[in-house]
Amino acid sequence: MKIKESEVEVLSYAVYKGNLDCEERLFSAEKMIINTINAYSYVLAKGDNDFKTSLCNSDILLPDGFPIVIASRMLNGIRIKKIAGEDIFKHMLKLGNTRKKRFFFLGSSNETLLKIERRIRSEYPNIAVSYFSPPFKASFTNEENQDMINRVNNFKPDALFIGMTAPKQEKWVELNKEKLDAKVICSIGAVFDFYAGTVKRPSKFWISLRLEWFIRLANEPKRLWKRYLIYSPKFFIDVFKAKFDK
């Protein structure tokens, strides 16, 4: 899978930096799909065409990981900035509070969603919030799927945040995006837990050292060891092959 460059990366960086034109696009009449890509999702997408399509059809594909940043520089000579899902989420919170927007959260547990709602109401009182915790399962029935769509559309959010983990969340958005009445649809996975405080993201100190992955691995070794010790090396093997194989 070819990682999107040029306009997607320029736009994602501009949105993060607060470029006015891009901010206007965030809540315009035109629907916008925002996803993230990292080494793990890249490798998954190689063997999952539906996931690959979901990522490639993003309006904004954020480089959520230093491996993507390094690959962009090695393969294309383009310097980009890592932009995590949490970064775009916090940016949209500030923007949404100023403009009195409506945010819907779909995914995770009721406990986590309630904590998100309480924190937003405290820190960003101008944002209207609603949420729904779908059944925790690999796939949904047609009835369950329609119920989720109806709950979102009845609220008519300016931004819909999906937290079902990759690749399930991205594929669900790709399958249902035309049916969803939301201006921005953003898959942000672990950000639900970060913002709720149920999982702590490593500090800015570790992030600046590019060791966020190491701290997360140390904190959740059983869940994350394959992601960082198997998938990341596979990603870099592809990068070096693309760089040096002629």
C-alpha atoms as a PDB file:
ATOM      1  CA  MET A   1       0.000   0.000   0.000  1.00  0.00           C
ATOM      2  CA  LYS A   2       1.345   3.395  -0.923  1.00  0.00           C
ATOM      3  CA  ILE A   3       1.181   5.889   1.918  1.00  0.00           C
ATOM      4  CA  LYS A   4      -0.598   9.062   0.875  1.00  0.00           C
ATOM      5  CA  GLU A   5       1.696  12.041   0.544  1.00  0.00           C
ATOM      6  CA  SER A   6       1.428  15.604  -0.825  1.00  0.00           C
ATOM      7  CA  GLU A   7      -1.941  17.221  -0.215  1.00  0.00           C
ATOM      8  CA  VAL A   8      -3.033  14.834   2.561  1.00  0.00           C
ATOM      9  CA  GLU A   9       0.067  15.412   4.655  1.00  0.00           C
ATOM     10  CA  VAL A  10       0.137  19.130   3.961  1.00  0.00           C
ATOM     11  CA  LEU A  11      -3.520  19.408   4.912  1.00  0.00           C
ATOM     12  CA  SER A  12      -3.160  17.290   8.062  1.00  0.00           C
ATOM     13  CA  TYR A  13      -0.248  19.417   9.245  1.00  0.00           C
ATOM     14  CA  ALA A  14      -2.135  22.626   8.443  1.00  0.00           C
ATOM     15  CA  VAL A  15      -5.183  21.459  10.389  1.00  0.00           C
ATOM     16  CA  TYR A  16      -3.004  20.669  13.387  1.00  0.00           C
ATOM     17  CA  LYS A  17      -1.317  24.076  13.229  1.00  0.00           C
ATOM     18  CA  GLY A  18      -4.674  25.831  13.033  1.00  0.00           C
ATOM     19  CA  ASN A  19      -4.701  27.010   9.429  1.00  0.00           C
ATOM     20  CA  LEU A  20      -7.957  28.943   8.981  1.00  0.00           C
ATOM     21  CA  ASP A  21      -8.932  27.436   5.639  1.00  0.00           C
ATOM     22  CA  CYS A  22      -8.491  23.916   6.974  1.00  0.00           C
ATOM     23  CA  GLU A  23     -10.375  24.744  10.151  1.00  0.00           C
ATOM     24  CA  GLU A  24     -13.284  25.898   8.030  1.00  0.00           C
ATOM     25  CA  ARG A  25     -13.234  22.575   6.191  1.00  0.00           C
ATOM     26  CA  LEU A  26     -13.512  20.668   9.466  1.00  0.00           C
ATOM     27  CA  PHE A  27     -17.136  21.654  10.000  1.00  0.00           C
ATOM     28  CA  SER A  28     -18.193  22.561   6.469  1.00  0.00           C
ATOM     29  CA  ALA A  29     -21.192  21.143   4.641  1.00  0.00           C
ATOM     30  CA  GLU A  30     -18.880  18.683   2.897  1.00  0.00           C
ATOM     31  CA  LYS A  31     -18.398  15.476   4.877  1.00  0.00           C
ATOM     32  CA  MET A  32     -14.825  14.787   5.964  1.00  0.00           C
ATOM     33  CA  ILE A  33     -13.351  11.419   6.966  1.00  0.00           C
ATOM     34  CA  ILE A  34     -10.252  11.538   9.179  1.00  0.00           C
ATOM     35  CA  ASN A  35      -8.170   8.428   9.885  1.00  0.00           C
ATOM     36  CA  THR A  36      -4.681   7.763  11.162  1.00  0.00           C
ATOM     37  CA  ILE A  37      -1.926   5.492   9.898  1.00  0.00           C
ATOM     38  CA  ASN A  38       0.988   3.949  11.763  1.00  0.00           C
ATOM     39  CA  ALA A  39       3.328   1.006  11.193  1.00  0.00           C
ATOM     40  CA  TYR A  40       0.840  -1.428  12.699  1.00  0.00           C
ATOM     41  CA  SER A  41      -2.107  -0.334  10.546  1.00  0.00           C
ATOM     42  CA  TYR A  42       0.094  -0.265   7.429  1.00  0.00           C
ATOM     43  CA  VAL A  43       1.079  -3.916   7.896  1.00  0.00           C
ATOM     44  CA  LEU A  44      -2.501  -4.935   8.708  1.00  0.00           C
ATOM     45  CA  ALA A  45      -3.754  -3.191   5.568  1.00  0.00           C
ATOM     46  CA  LYS A  46      -1.354  -5.156   3.365  1.00  0.00           C
ATOM     47  CA  GLY A  47      -3.367  -8.276   4.108  1.00  0.00           C
ATOM     48  CA  ASP A  48      -6.792  -6.669   4.399  1.00  0.00           C
ATOM     49  CA  ASN A  49      -8.098  -4.997   1.250  1.00  0.00           C
ATOM     50  CA  ASP A  50     -11.141  -3.551   3.010  1.00  0.00           C
ATOM     51  CA  PHE A  51      -8.919  -1.860   5.566  1.00  0.00           C
ATOM     52  CA  LYS A  52      -6.572  -0.655   2.844  1.00  0.00           C
ATOM     53  CA  THR A  53      -9.514   0.880   0.968  1.00  0.00           C
ATOM     54  CA  SER A  54     -10.749   2.555   4.146  1.00  0.00           C
ATOM     55  CA  LEU A  55      -7.393   4.218   4.748  1.00  0.00           C
ATOM     56  CA  CYS A  56      -6.842   5.239   1.134  1.00  0.00           C
ATOM     57  CA  ASN A  57     -10.305   6.801   0.946  1.00  0.00           C
ATOM     58  CA  SER A  58      -9.621   9.082   3.922  1.00  0.00           C
ATOM     59  CA  ASP A  59      -9.934  12.804   3.307  1.00  0.00           C
ATOM     60  CA  ILE A  60      -7.202  13.311   5.890  1.00  0.00           C
ATOM     61  CA  LEU A  61      -4.802  10.494   6.795  1.00  0.00           C
ATOM     62  CA  LEU A  62      -2.777  11.561   9.815  1.00  0.00           C
ATOM     63  CA  PRO A  63       0.798  10.256  10.272  1.00  0.00           C
ATOM     64  CA  ASP A  64       0.307   8.789  13.755  1.00  0.00           C
ATOM     65  CA  GLY A  65       3.743   7.376  14.465  1.00  0.00           C
ATOM     66  CA  PHE A  66       7.402   8.164  13.975  1.00  0.00           C
ATOM     67  CA  PRO A  67       7.877   5.190  11.601  1.00  0.00           C
ATOM     68  CA  ILE A  68       5.553   6.967   9.153  1.00  0.00           C
ATOM     69  CA  VAL A  69       7.473  10.216   9.626  1.00  0.00           C
ATOM     70  CA  ILE A  70      10.776   8.427   8.987  1.00  0.00           C
ATOM     71  CA  ALA A  71       9.377   6.596   5.941  1.00  0.00           C
ATOM     72  CA  SER A  72       8.132   9.841   4.415  1.00  0.00           C
ATOM     73  CA  ARG A  73      11.574  11.392   4.719  1.00  0.00           C
ATOM     74  CA  MET A  74      13.452   8.308   3.478  1.00  0.00           C
ATOM     75  CA  LEU A  75      11.238   7.529   0.503  1.00  0.00           C
ATOM     76  CA  ASN A  76      10.036  10.957  -0.590  1.00  0.00           C
ATOM     77  CA  GLY A  77      12.347  13.496   1.020  1.00  0.00           C
ATOM     78  CA  ILE A  78       9.303  15.073   2.685  1.00  0.00           C
ATOM     79  CA  ARG A  79       9.528  16.207   6.296  1.00  0.00           C
ATOM     80  CA  ILE A  80       6.247  15.768   8.131  1.00  0.00           C
ATOM     81  CA  LYS A  81       5.206  16.001  11.758  1.00  0.00           C
ATOM     82  CA  LYS A  82       3.761  13.126  13.749  1.00  0.00           C
ATOM     83  CA  ILE A  83       0.104  13.889  14.457  1.00  0.00           C
ATOM     84  CA  ALA A  84      -1.559  11.464  16.817  1.00  0.00           C
ATOM     85  CA  GLY A  85      -5.277  10.899  17.009  1.00  0.00           C
ATOM     86  CA  GLU A  86      -5.174  12.633  20.380  1.00  0.00           C
ATOM     87  CA  ASP A  87      -3.668  15.737  18.763  1.00  0.00           C
ATOM     88  CA  ILE A  88      -6.486  16.205  16.259  1.00  0.00           C
ATOM     89  CA  PHE A  89      -9.038  15.363  18.961  1.00  0.00           C
ATOM     90  CA  LYS A  90      -7.755  18.072  21.321  1.00  0.00           C
ATOM     91  CA  HIS A  91      -7.639  20.546  18.446  1.00  0.00           C
ATOM     92  CA  MET A  92     -11.251  19.802  17.595  1.00  0.00           C
ATOM     93  CA  LEU A  93     -12.305  20.112  21.238  1.00  0.00           C
ATOM     94  CA  LYS A  94     -10.949  23.660  21.404  1.00  0.00           C
ATOM     95  CA  LEU A  95     -12.462  24.565  18.058  1.00  0.00           C
ATOM     96  CA  GLY A  96     -15.766  22.900  18.918  1.00  0.00           C
ATOM     97  CA  ASN A  97     -16.052  24.726  22.212  1.00  0.00           C
ATOM     98  CA  THR A  98     -15.491  28.096  20.531  1.00  0.00           C
ATOM     99  CA  ARG A  99     -18.115  27.337  17.891  1.00  0.00           C
ATOM    100  CA  LYS A 100     -20.608  25.495  20.126  1.00  0.00           C
ATOM    101  CA  LYS A 101     -20.507  22.227  18.193  1.00  0.00           C
ATOM    102  CA  ARG A 102     -22.123  18.835  18.800  1.00  0.00           C
ATOM    103  CA  PHE A 103     -19.916  15.755  19.342  1.00  0.00           C
ATOM    104  CA  PHE A 104     -21.014  12.112  19.347  1.00  0.00           C
ATOM    105  CA  PHE A 105     -18.834   9.276  20.675  1.00  0.00           C
ATOM    106  CA  LEU A 106     -19.418   5.758  19.343  1.00  0.00           C
ATOM    107  CA  GLY A 107     -17.519   2.843  20.855  1.00  0.00           C
ATOM    108  CA  SER A 108     -15.864   1.740  24.092  1.00  0.00           C
ATOM    109  CA  SER A 109     -17.705   1.024  27.351  1.00  0.00           C
ATOM    110  CA  ASN A 110     -20.443   3.046  29.022  1.00  0.00           C
ATOM    111  CA  GLU A 111     -18.087   3.720  31.914  1.00  0.00           C
ATOM    112  CA  THR A 112     -15.452   5.223  29.614  1.00  0.00           C
ATOM    113  CA  LEU A 113     -18.017   7.200  27.651  1.00  0.00           C
ATOM    114  CA  LEU A 114     -19.526   8.663  30.815  1.00  0.00           C
ATOM    115  CA  LYS A 115     -16.075   9.830  31.926  1.00  0.00           C
ATOM    116  CA  ILE A 116     -15.532  11.447  28.531  1.00  0.00           C
ATOM    117  CA  GLU A 117     -18.870  13.229  28.764  1.00  0.00           C
ATOM    118  CA  ARG A 118     -18.189  14.508  32.279  1.00  0.00           C
ATOM    119  CA  ARG A 119     -14.736  15.789  31.381  1.00  0.00           C
ATOM    120  CA  ILE A 120     -15.947  17.574  28.246  1.00  0.00           C
ATOM    121  CA  ARG A 121     -18.839  19.193  30.108  1.00  0.00           C
ATOM    122  CA  SER A 122     -16.351  20.453  32.688  1.00  0.00           C
ATOM    123  CA  GLU A 123     -13.562  21.609  30.351  1.00  0.00           C
ATOM    124  CA  TYR A 124     -15.547  22.509  27.221  1.00  0.00           C
ATOM    125  CA  PRO A 125     -19.041  23.499  28.417  1.00  0.00           C
ATOM    126  CA  ASN A 126     -20.120  24.839  25.009  1.00  0.00           C
ATOM    127  CA  ILE A 127     -19.909  21.413  23.380  1.00  0.00           C
ATOM    128  CA  ALA A 128     -23.057  19.287  23.323  1.00  0.00           C
ATOM    129  CA  VAL A 129     -22.213  15.606  23.896  1.00  0.00           C
ATOM    130  CA  SER A 130     -23.940  12.302  23.283  1.00  0.00           C
ATOM    131  CA  TYR A 131     -22.618   8.751  23.083  1.00  0.00           C
ATOM    132  CA  PHE A 132     -23.418   5.089  22.593  1.00  0.00           C
ATOM    133  CA  SER A 133     -21.580   1.911  23.535  1.00  0.00           C
ATOM    134  CA  PRO A 134     -22.233  -0.732  20.861  1.00  0.00           C
ATOM    135  CA  PRO A 135     -22.060  -4.473  21.584  1.00  0.00           C
ATOM    136  CA  PHE A 136     -18.491  -5.696  22.015  1.00  0.00           C
ATOM    137  CA  LYS A 137     -18.231  -8.192  19.171  1.00  0.00           C
ATOM    138  CA  ALA A 138     -16.347  -8.797  15.927  1.00  0.00           C
ATOM    139  CA  SER A 139     -19.286  -7.824  13.711  1.00  0.00           C
ATOM    140  CA  PHE A 140     -22.738  -6.326  14.101  1.00  0.00           C
ATOM    141  CA  THR A 141     -26.120  -7.580  12.967  1.00  0.00           C
ATOM    142  CA  ASN A 142     -28.071  -5.428  10.520  1.00  0.00           C
ATOM    143  CA  GLU A 143     -30.354  -4.379  13.366  1.00  0.00           C
ATOM    144  CA  GLU A 144     -27.449  -3.399  15.616  1.00  0.00           C
ATOM    145  CA  ASN A 145     -25.803  -1.497  12.816  1.00  0.00           C
ATOM    146  CA  GLN A 146     -28.966   0.423  11.987  1.00  0.00           C
ATOM    147  CA  ASP A 147     -29.487   1.230  15.663  1.00  0.00           C
ATOM    148  CA  MET A 148     -26.013   2.797  15.807  1.00  0.00           C
ATOM    149  CA  ILE A 149     -26.665   4.847  12.674  1.00  0.00           C
ATOM    150  CA  ASN A 150     -30.033   6.017  13.994  1.00  0.00           C
ATOM    151  CA  ARG A 151     -28.565   7.126  17.322  1.00  0.00           C
ATOM    152  CA  VAL A 152     -25.908   9.180  15.545  1.00  0.00           C
ATOM    153  CA  ASN A 153     -28.311  10.722  13.047  1.00  0.00           C
ATOM    154  CA  ASN A 154     -30.921  11.601  15.676  1.00  0.00           C
ATOM    155  CA  PHE A 155     -28.271  13.674  17.448  1.00  0.00           C
ATOM    156  CA  LYS A 156     -26.938  15.217  14.199  1.00  0.00           C
ATOM    157  CA  PRO A 157     -23.360  15.724  15.409  1.00  0.00           C
ATOM    158  CA  ASP A 158     -20.871  18.111  13.883  1.00  0.00           C
ATOM    159  CA  ALA A 159     -18.220  15.503  14.685  1.00  0.00           C
ATOM    160  CA  LEU A 160     -18.569  11.764  15.162  1.00  0.00           C
ATOM    161  CA  PHE A 161     -15.679  10.066  16.971  1.00  0.00           C
ATOM    162  CA  ILE A 162     -15.317   6.302  16.545  1.00  0.00           C
ATOM    163  CA  GLY A 163     -13.476   4.246  19.164  1.00  0.00           C
ATOM    164  CA  MET A 164     -13.709   0.589  18.170  1.00  0.00           C
ATOM    165  CA  THR A 165      -9.960  -0.051  17.558  1.00  0.00           C
ATOM    166  CA  ALA A 166      -8.347  -0.591  14.162  1.00  0.00           C
ATOM    167  CA  PRO A 167      -9.192  -1.961  11.667  1.00  0.00           C
ATOM    168  CA  LYS A 168     -12.798  -2.436  12.787  1.00  0.00           C
ATOM    169  CA  GLN A 169     -13.498   1.285  13.230  1.00  0.00           C
ATOM    170  CA  GLU A 170     -12.120   2.398   9.867  1.00  0.00           C
ATOM    171  CA  LYS A 171     -13.944  -0.353   7.984  1.00  0.00           C
ATOM    172  CA  TRP A 172     -17.194   0.456   9.784  1.00  0.00           C
ATOM    173  CA  VAL A 173     -16.891   4.105   8.749  1.00  0.00           C
ATOM    174  CA  GLU A 174     -16.124   3.223   5.136  1.00  0.00           C
ATOM    175  CA  LEU A 175     -19.155   0.928   5.017  1.00  0.00           C
ATOM    176  CA  ASN A 176     -21.569   3.395   6.614  1.00  0.00           C
ATOM    177  CA  LYS A 177     -20.243   6.892   5.883  1.00  0.00           C
ATOM    178  CA  GLU A 178     -22.925   7.718   3.318  1.00  0.00           C
ATOM    179  CA  LYS A 179     -25.654   6.895   5.842  1.00  0.00           C
ATOM    180  CA  LEU A 180     -24.210   8.972   8.685  1.00  0.00           C
ATOM    181  CA  ASP A 181     -25.408  12.531   9.252  1.00  0.00           C
ATOM    182  CA  ALA A 182     -22.152  13.979  10.583  1.00  0.00           C
ATOM    183  CA  LYS A 183     -19.850  16.645   9.138  1.00  0.00           C
ATOM    184  CA  VAL A 184     -16.635  15.080  10.422  1.00  0.00           C
ATOM    185  CA  ILE A 185     -16.118  11.373  11.097  1.00  0.00           C
ATOM    186  CA  CYS A 186     -12.896  10.626  12.941  1.00  0.00           C
ATOM    187  CA  SER A 187     -11.571   7.206  14.011  1.00  0.00           C
ATOM    188  CA  ILE A 188      -9.382   7.710  17.071  1.00  0.00           C
ATOM    189  CA  GLY A 189      -9.386   4.353  18.903  1.00  0.00           C
ATOM    190  CA  ALA A 190      -7.288   4.529  22.072  1.00  0.00           C
ATOM    191  CA  VAL A 191      -7.950   8.268  22.481  1.00  0.00           C
ATOM    192  CA  PHE A 192     -11.251   7.387  24.163  1.00  0.00           C
ATOM    193  CA  ASP A 193      -9.333   5.723  27.002  1.00  0.00           C
ATOM    194  CA  PHE A 194      -6.629   8.400  27.088  1.00  0.00           C
ATOM    195  CA  TYR A 195      -9.138  11.208  27.469  1.00  0.00           C
ATOM    196  CA  ALA A 196     -11.294   9.282  29.956  1.00  0.00           C
ATOM    197  CA  GLY A 197      -8.205   8.495  32.014  1.00  0.00           C
ATOM    198  CA  THR A 198      -8.772   4.744  31.956  1.00  0.00           C
ATOM    199  CA  VAL A 199      -5.424   4.360  30.153  1.00  0.00           C
ATOM    200  CA  LYS A 200      -2.608   6.848  30.674  1.00  0.00           C
ATOM    201  CA  ARG A 201      -0.712   8.084  27.620  1.00  0.00           C
ATOM    202  CA  PRO A 202       3.056   8.467  28.149  1.00  0.00           C
ATOM    203  CA  SER A 203       4.199  11.989  29.048  1.00  0.00           C
ATOM    204  CA  LYS A 204       5.419  14.570  26.555  1.00  0.00           C
ATOM    205  CA  PHE A 205       8.963  13.795  27.736  1.00  0.00           C
ATOM    206  CA  TRP A 206       8.791  10.261  26.318  1.00  0.00           C
ATOM    207  CA  ILE A 207       6.901  11.395  23.232  1.00  0.00           C
ATOM    208  CA  SER A 208       9.588  13.999  22.452  1.00  0.00           C
ATOM    209  CA  LEU A 209      12.254  11.279  22.752  1.00  0.00           C
ATOM    210  CA  ARG A 210      10.237   9.154  20.303  1.00  0.00           C
ATOM    211  CA  LEU A 211       9.881   6.471  22.979  1.00  0.00           C
ATOM    212  CA  GLU A 212       6.140   6.606  23.511  1.00  0.00           C
ATOM    213  CA  TRP A 213       5.924   3.141  21.975  1.00  0.00           C
ATOM    214  CA  PHE A 214       8.370   1.740  24.561  1.00  0.00           C
ATOM    215  CA  ILE A 215       6.419   3.068  27.543  1.00  0.00           C
ATOM    216  CA  ARG A 216       3.131   1.800  26.125  1.00  0.00           C
ATOM    217  CA  LEU A 217       4.739  -1.592  25.521  1.00  0.00           C
ATOM    218  CA  ALA A 218       6.055  -1.683  29.092  1.00  0.00           C
ATOM    219  CA  ASN A 219       2.612  -0.821  30.447  1.00  0.00           C
ATOM    220  CA  GLU A 220       0.633  -3.252  28.257  1.00  0.00           C
ATOM    221  CA  PRO A 221       3.065  -5.969  27.091  1.00  0.00           C
ATOM    222  CA  LYS A 222       0.481  -8.718  26.511  1.00  0.00           C
ATOM    223  CA  ARG A 223      -1.655  -6.529  24.248  1.00  0.00           C
ATOM    224  CA  LEU A 224       1.020  -4.565  22.415  1.00  0.00           C
ATOM    225  CA  TRP A 225       4.068  -6.807  22.032  1.00  0.00           C
ATOM    226  CA  LYS A 226       3.153  -7.975  18.535  1.00  0.00           C
ATOM    227  CA  ARG A 227       2.384  -4.435  17.410  1.00  0.00           C
ATOM    228  CA  TYR A 228       5.812  -3.079  18.320  1.00  0.00           C
ATOM    229  CA  LEU A 229       8.072  -6.135  18.117  1.00  0.00           C
ATOM    230  CA  ILE A 230       6.587  -7.845  15.051  1.00  0.00           C
ATOM    231  CA  TYR A 231       4.640  -5.321  12.974  1.00  0.00           C
ATOM    232  CA  SER A 232       7.046  -2.383  13.276  1.00  0.00           C
ATOM    233  CA  PRO A 233      10.031  -4.408  11.989  1.00  0.00           C
ATOM    234  CA  LYS A 234       7.871  -5.648   9.101  1.00  0.00           C
ATOM    235  CA  PHE A 235       7.034  -2.047   8.256  1.00  0.00           C
ATOM    236  CA  PHE A 236      10.696  -1.017   8.166  1.00  0.00           C
ATOM    237  CA  ILE A 237      11.598  -4.037   6.035  1.00  0.00           C
ATOM    238  CA  ASP A 238       9.149  -2.698   3.432  1.00  0.00           C
ATOM    239  CA  VAL A 239      10.585   0.804   3.768  1.00  0.00           C
ATOM    240  CA  PHE A 240      14.159  -0.376   3.206  1.00  0.00           C
ATOM    241  CA  LYS A 241      13.099  -2.554   0.276  1.00  0.00           C
ATOM    242  CA  ALA A 242      11.356   0.424  -1.314  1.00  0.00           C
ATOM    243  CA  LYS A 243      14.407   2.594  -0.688  1.00  0.00           C
ATOM    244  CA  PHE A 244      17.134   0.281  -1.899  1.00  0.00           C
ATOM    245  CA  ASP A 245      15.519  -2.252  -4.243  1.00  0.00           C
ATOM    246  CA  LYS A 246      15.578  -0.890  -7.767  1.00  0.00           C
END
